[in-house]
Amino acid sequence: MTTESWFSRQEAIFADYGWWDRHNLLYLITEQRCNYIVSRIERIFGEGALSQQEILEVGCGGGLLSEGLARRGACMWGLDPNERALEQGRHHAQTQGLGGNIFFQAGSAEALPYAAGSFSVIICLDVLEHVRDLNQTIREIARVLAPGGLFIFDTINRTWLAQIALIWIGERFFQKSGLVPGLHHYRSFIRPVELQTVLRQNELVSGEMLGFMPRRDQGRWTLGTGWFKGVSYVGYATRACD
C-alpha cells in the first residue's frame, strides 16, 4: 500500500469507526489515558488545575478523550479533519449533557485554525502516527501552545514488535477491537528519539517519555505507564515562558 492510498484508507476508516463501541480498544483505555493527562496537568499547574484549563485535542476523532476530560471539568476544544467522526462526537456529547463543555471543529493538525498561544494545554493521543507531516504538526502545536503551556501525547514506536503486535496480529485477529486492516502504516510509526528531536527543534522541552503497556491493577489487566516503550509510549513537553 502506498502512503497516499493509506491516507485515503484512513479517511474511510475514521468516517465509519466505532468510537463508542464498548469493545473498541480506544474506548476501553479512555479512562487510563485521561488519568495520565490529568496527573500531568496537575504536575505542571498544580492540584485541581484541570477545571481552569481550556484544552485543545488535536485529532479528537469521535470525542472519547474530549468527553472524558469534559466530564472531569475541563473546557474542551476538539479538532479533527474527519467531519463524520466529529458528528459522532457532537451527537454523543449532546446525549450525555456535555454539549456546552466541548466545541468540535473540523481542521488539520498541520494548519491549526487558532491564534498563537491560544491554549494552555494541547493533547494529541494516538494521532501523530497518522498525520501527513509530523514536523509541521509539531510546529503548529508549538505555535498555538501558550508560553509555559503543556503538550501531552502518545504514539507508536517504530519497532518490529509494534509491527507484529498491531499490524500482523492486531489487524488480523482483533478487528472487533477497532484494529481494522489499514489502520496503521509501519513507516509512520515514530521512534522516541525522532520525536524528541522534532520537539527540540520547535522549542518544546521534553518532560518524559514512558512506555504505555499492560499492567496488573487490583486483579485485572489494564494499561498504564511503565518502562517498556517497545510498542507504544506516552509523554509530555512544555513550552518555555517567553
Protein backbone atom coordinates (compact mmCIF):
# COMPACT_ATOMS: atom_id res chain seq x y z
CA MET A 1 0.00 0.00 0.00
CA THR A 2 1.41 3.39 -0.99
CA THR A 3 1.48 6.21 1.54
CA GLU A 4 -1.14 8.19 -0.40
CA SER A 5 -3.52 5.23 -0.66
CA TRP A 6 -3.04 4.65 3.06
CA PHE A 7 -4.12 8.21 3.84
CA SER A 8 -7.23 7.70 1.70
CA ARG A 9 -7.92 4.49 3.59
CA GLN A 10 -7.57 6.39 6.88
CA GLU A 11 -10.30 8.83 5.90
CA ALA A 12 -12.71 5.98 5.16
CA ILE A 13 -11.83 4.12 8.38
CA PHE A 14 -12.33 7.07 10.71
CA ALA A 15 -15.53 8.18 8.99
CA ASP A 16 -17.19 4.93 9.98
CA TYR A 17 -15.22 3.98 13.08
CA GLY A 18 -16.90 2.53 16.15
CA TRP A 19 -15.63 5.19 18.51
CA TRP A 20 -18.18 4.45 21.21
CA ASP A 21 -18.30 0.67 20.72
CA ARG A 22 -17.64 -0.86 24.13
CA HIS A 23 -15.29 -3.42 22.55
CA ASN A 24 -13.15 -0.74 20.92
CA LEU A 25 -9.63 -0.63 22.37
CA LEU A 26 -9.54 3.18 22.36
CA TYR A 27 -12.84 3.27 24.23
CA LEU A 28 -11.56 0.74 26.77
CA ILE A 29 -8.40 2.72 27.59
CA THR A 30 -10.01 6.18 27.67
CA GLU A 31 -10.06 6.30 31.47
CA GLN A 32 -6.38 5.36 31.75
CA ARG A 33 -5.41 7.99 29.21
CA CYS A 34 -7.48 10.63 30.99
CA ASN A 35 -5.82 9.67 34.27
CA TYR A 36 -2.41 10.28 32.74
CA ILE A 37 -3.47 13.62 31.23
CA VAL A 38 -4.93 14.89 34.50
CA SER A 39 -1.91 13.76 36.52
CA ARG A 40 0.49 15.66 34.25
CA ILE A 41 -1.67 18.78 34.19
CA GLU A 42 -1.62 18.75 37.99
CA ARG A 43 2.14 18.09 37.99
CA ILE A 44 2.74 21.23 35.92
CA PHE A 45 -0.06 23.56 37.07
CA GLY A 46 -1.00 22.23 40.50
CA GLU A 47 -3.75 20.17 42.09
CA GLY A 48 -7.23 20.91 40.78
CA ALA A 49 -5.88 22.75 37.73
CA LEU A 50 -7.88 20.74 35.19
CA SER A 51 -11.04 22.83 35.57
CA GLN A 52 -9.01 26.00 34.96
CA GLN A 53 -7.76 24.91 31.53
CA GLU A 54 -9.02 25.34 28.00
CA ILE A 55 -7.67 22.20 26.36
CA LEU A 56 -7.27 21.55 22.65
CA GLU A 57 -7.38 17.95 21.48
CA VAL A 58 -5.70 17.63 18.09
CA GLY A 59 -7.16 14.63 16.28
CA CYS A 60 -10.15 14.13 18.57
CA GLY A 61 -11.95 11.63 16.31
CA GLY A 62 -15.30 10.77 17.85
CA GLY A 63 -14.54 12.65 21.05
CA LEU A 64 -13.54 9.93 23.53
CA LEU A 65 -10.87 11.92 25.35
CA SER A 66 -12.57 15.29 24.91
CA GLU A 67 -15.69 13.93 26.55
CA GLY A 68 -13.75 12.10 29.26
CA LEU A 69 -11.92 15.28 30.27
CA ALA A 70 -15.04 17.47 29.96
CA ARG A 71 -16.75 15.07 32.33
CA ARG A 72 -13.98 15.82 34.83
CA GLY A 73 -14.44 19.58 34.49
CA ALA A 74 -12.22 20.72 31.62
CA CYS A 75 -13.32 23.06 28.84
CA MET A 76 -12.51 21.12 25.67
CA TRP A 77 -11.90 22.03 22.04
CA GLY A 78 -11.80 19.01 19.75
CA LEU A 79 -10.27 19.32 16.28
CA ASP A 80 -10.32 16.65 13.58
CA PRO A 81 -10.25 16.60 9.75
CA ASN A 82 -12.98 13.96 9.54
CA GLU A 83 -16.43 15.60 9.66
CA ARG A 84 -18.28 12.31 10.11
CA ALA A 85 -16.19 11.47 13.17
CA LEU A 86 -16.94 14.92 14.55
CA GLU A 87 -20.67 14.34 14.02
CA GLN A 88 -20.41 11.24 16.20
CA GLY A 89 -18.59 13.25 18.86
CA ARG A 90 -21.15 16.05 18.84
CA HIS A 91 -24.06 13.65 19.00
CA HIS A 92 -22.64 11.63 21.88
CA ALA A 93 -21.68 14.73 23.87
CA GLN A 94 -25.21 16.08 23.48
CA THR A 95 -26.75 12.82 24.69
CA GLN A 96 -24.51 12.98 27.77
CA GLY A 97 -25.38 16.59 28.57
CA LEU A 98 -21.85 17.76 27.75
CA GLY A 99 -22.58 19.70 24.57
CA GLY A 100 -21.85 23.00 26.30
CA ASN A 101 -18.45 21.82 27.54
CA ILE A 102 -16.94 20.68 24.22
CA PHE A 103 -16.55 22.63 20.99
CA PHE A 104 -15.84 20.37 17.99
CA GLN A 105 -14.30 21.87 14.86
CA ALA A 106 -13.05 20.49 11.54
CA GLY A 107 -9.43 21.21 10.76
CA SER A 108 -5.98 19.84 10.02
CA ALA A 109 -3.20 19.19 12.51
CA GLU A 110 -0.77 20.74 10.04
CA ALA A 111 -2.71 24.03 9.90
CA LEU A 112 -4.42 24.64 13.24
CA PRO A 113 -7.14 27.31 12.90
CA TYR A 114 -6.19 29.16 16.09
CA ALA A 115 -4.10 32.17 17.03
CA ALA A 116 -0.65 31.79 18.52
CA GLY A 117 -0.65 30.99 22.23
CA SER A 118 -4.36 30.13 22.35
CA PHE A 119 -4.26 27.08 24.65
CA SER A 120 -2.54 26.28 27.93
CA VAL A 121 -2.83 22.53 27.26
CA ILE A 122 -2.81 20.63 23.97
CA ILE A 123 -3.28 16.87 23.82
CA CYS A 124 -2.62 14.64 20.83
CA LEU A 125 -3.02 10.93 21.57
CA ASP A 126 -2.89 8.12 19.02
CA VAL A 127 -2.66 10.75 16.29
CA LEU A 128 0.98 11.63 15.49
CA GLU A 129 1.46 8.33 13.66
CA HIS A 130 -1.49 9.24 11.40
CA VAL A 131 -0.61 12.80 10.31
CA ARG A 132 0.76 13.64 6.88
CA ASP A 133 3.61 15.83 8.17
CA LEU A 134 4.93 15.26 11.69
CA ASN A 135 7.30 18.23 11.65
CA GLN A 136 4.58 20.65 10.56
CA THR A 137 2.14 19.22 13.10
CA ILE A 138 4.55 19.77 15.99
CA ARG A 139 5.41 23.23 14.64
CA GLU A 140 1.72 24.16 14.69
CA ILE A 141 1.20 22.72 18.16
CA ALA A 142 4.17 24.73 19.45
CA ARG A 143 2.74 27.89 17.82
CA VAL A 144 -0.73 27.51 19.33
CA LEU A 145 0.54 26.45 22.76
CA ALA A 146 0.78 29.32 25.26
CA PRO A 147 4.14 30.15 26.88
CA GLY A 148 4.51 27.82 29.84
CA GLY A 149 1.91 25.52 28.30
CA LEU A 150 1.79 21.74 28.30
CA PHE A 151 1.72 19.34 25.33
CA ILE A 152 0.68 15.74 26.08
CA PHE A 153 0.99 12.96 23.52
CA ASP A 154 1.15 9.26 22.92
CA THR A 155 2.17 7.41 19.79
CA ILE A 156 3.57 4.13 18.47
CA ASN A 157 7.24 3.21 18.38
CA ARG A 158 8.67 2.06 15.03
CA THR A 159 9.87 -1.37 16.12
CA TRP A 160 9.44 -4.87 14.77
CA LEU A 161 7.44 -5.73 17.89
CA ALA A 162 4.95 -2.92 17.24
CA GLN A 163 4.57 -4.10 13.66
CA ILE A 164 3.90 -7.67 14.79
CA ALA A 165 1.55 -6.73 17.64
CA LEU A 166 -0.52 -4.03 15.93
CA ILE A 167 -0.42 -4.87 12.22
CA TRP A 168 0.38 -8.55 11.69
CA ILE A 169 -1.61 -9.79 14.69
CA GLY A 170 -3.86 -6.90 15.76
CA GLU A 171 -5.29 -6.01 12.35
CA ARG A 172 -5.80 -9.68 11.53
CA PHE A 173 -7.34 -11.05 14.71
CA PHE A 174 -8.65 -8.07 16.71
CA GLN A 175 -10.79 -6.20 14.21
CA LYS A 176 -13.72 -6.15 16.66
CA SER A 177 -11.46 -4.14 18.99
CA GLY A 178 -11.01 -1.44 16.35
CA LEU A 179 -7.72 -2.70 14.91
CA VAL A 180 -9.13 -2.81 11.40
CA PRO A 181 -6.97 -3.57 8.34
CA GLY A 182 -5.20 -0.46 7.09
CA LEU A 183 -5.40 1.38 10.41
CA HIS A 184 -1.62 1.55 10.80
CA HIS A 185 1.31 2.12 8.47
CA TYR A 186 4.66 0.91 9.81
CA ARG A 187 6.69 3.70 8.21
CA SER A 188 4.53 6.29 10.01
CA PHE A 189 5.44 4.94 13.45
CA ILE A 190 7.78 7.26 15.38
CA ARG A 191 10.84 6.34 17.42
CA PRO A 192 11.16 8.30 20.70
CA VAL A 193 14.48 9.85 19.66
CA GLU A 194 12.86 11.13 16.46
CA LEU A 195 10.01 12.76 18.36
CA GLN A 196 12.43 14.27 20.89
CA THR A 197 14.37 15.84 18.02
CA VAL A 198 11.24 17.39 16.48
CA LEU A 199 10.11 18.70 19.87
CA ARG A 200 13.50 20.28 20.50
CA GLN A 201 13.59 21.86 17.04
CA ASN A 202 10.30 23.58 17.87
CA GLU A 203 11.44 24.80 21.29
CA LEU A 204 9.37 22.29 23.24
CA VAL A 205 11.14 20.83 26.27
CA SER A 206 10.54 17.10 26.71
CA GLY A 207 9.41 16.27 30.24
CA GLU A 208 9.17 12.49 29.97
CA MET A 209 8.53 9.60 27.63
CA LEU A 210 7.21 6.41 29.24
CA GLY A 211 6.01 3.14 27.89
CA PHE A 212 2.25 2.66 27.73
CA MET A 213 1.96 -1.02 28.48
CA PRO A 214 -0.25 -3.74 30.01
CA ARG A 215 -0.16 -3.92 33.79
CA ARG A 216 -1.99 -5.66 36.59
CA ASP A 217 -4.15 -3.36 38.69
CA GLN A 218 -6.33 -4.66 41.53
CA GLY A 219 -6.65 -8.10 39.98
CA ARG A 220 -7.38 -7.03 36.41
CA TRP A 221 -5.35 -6.20 33.34
CA THR A 222 -5.25 -2.60 32.20
CA LEU A 223 -2.83 -0.20 30.51
CA GLY A 224 -0.58 2.23 32.27
CA THR A 225 2.83 3.84 32.25
CA GLY A 226 5.93 1.72 32.61
CA TRP A 227 9.48 1.15 31.47
CA PHE A 228 8.81 -0.66 28.19
CA LYS A 229 8.47 1.63 25.16
CA GLY A 230 8.81 -1.11 22.54
CA VAL A 231 5.23 -0.80 21.25
CA SER A 232 3.72 2.50 22.39
CA TYR A 233 4.76 5.37 24.60
CA VAL A 234 3.24 8.41 26.25
CA GLY A 235 4.78 11.65 27.43
CA TYR A 236 4.66 15.40 27.66
CA ALA A 237 6.62 18.51 26.76
CA THR A 238 6.39 22.13 27.82
CA ARG A 239 6.86 25.42 26.04
CA ALA A 240 9.27 27.75 27.74
CA CYS A 241 7.92 31.05 29.01
CA ASP A 242 8.86 33.99 26.81
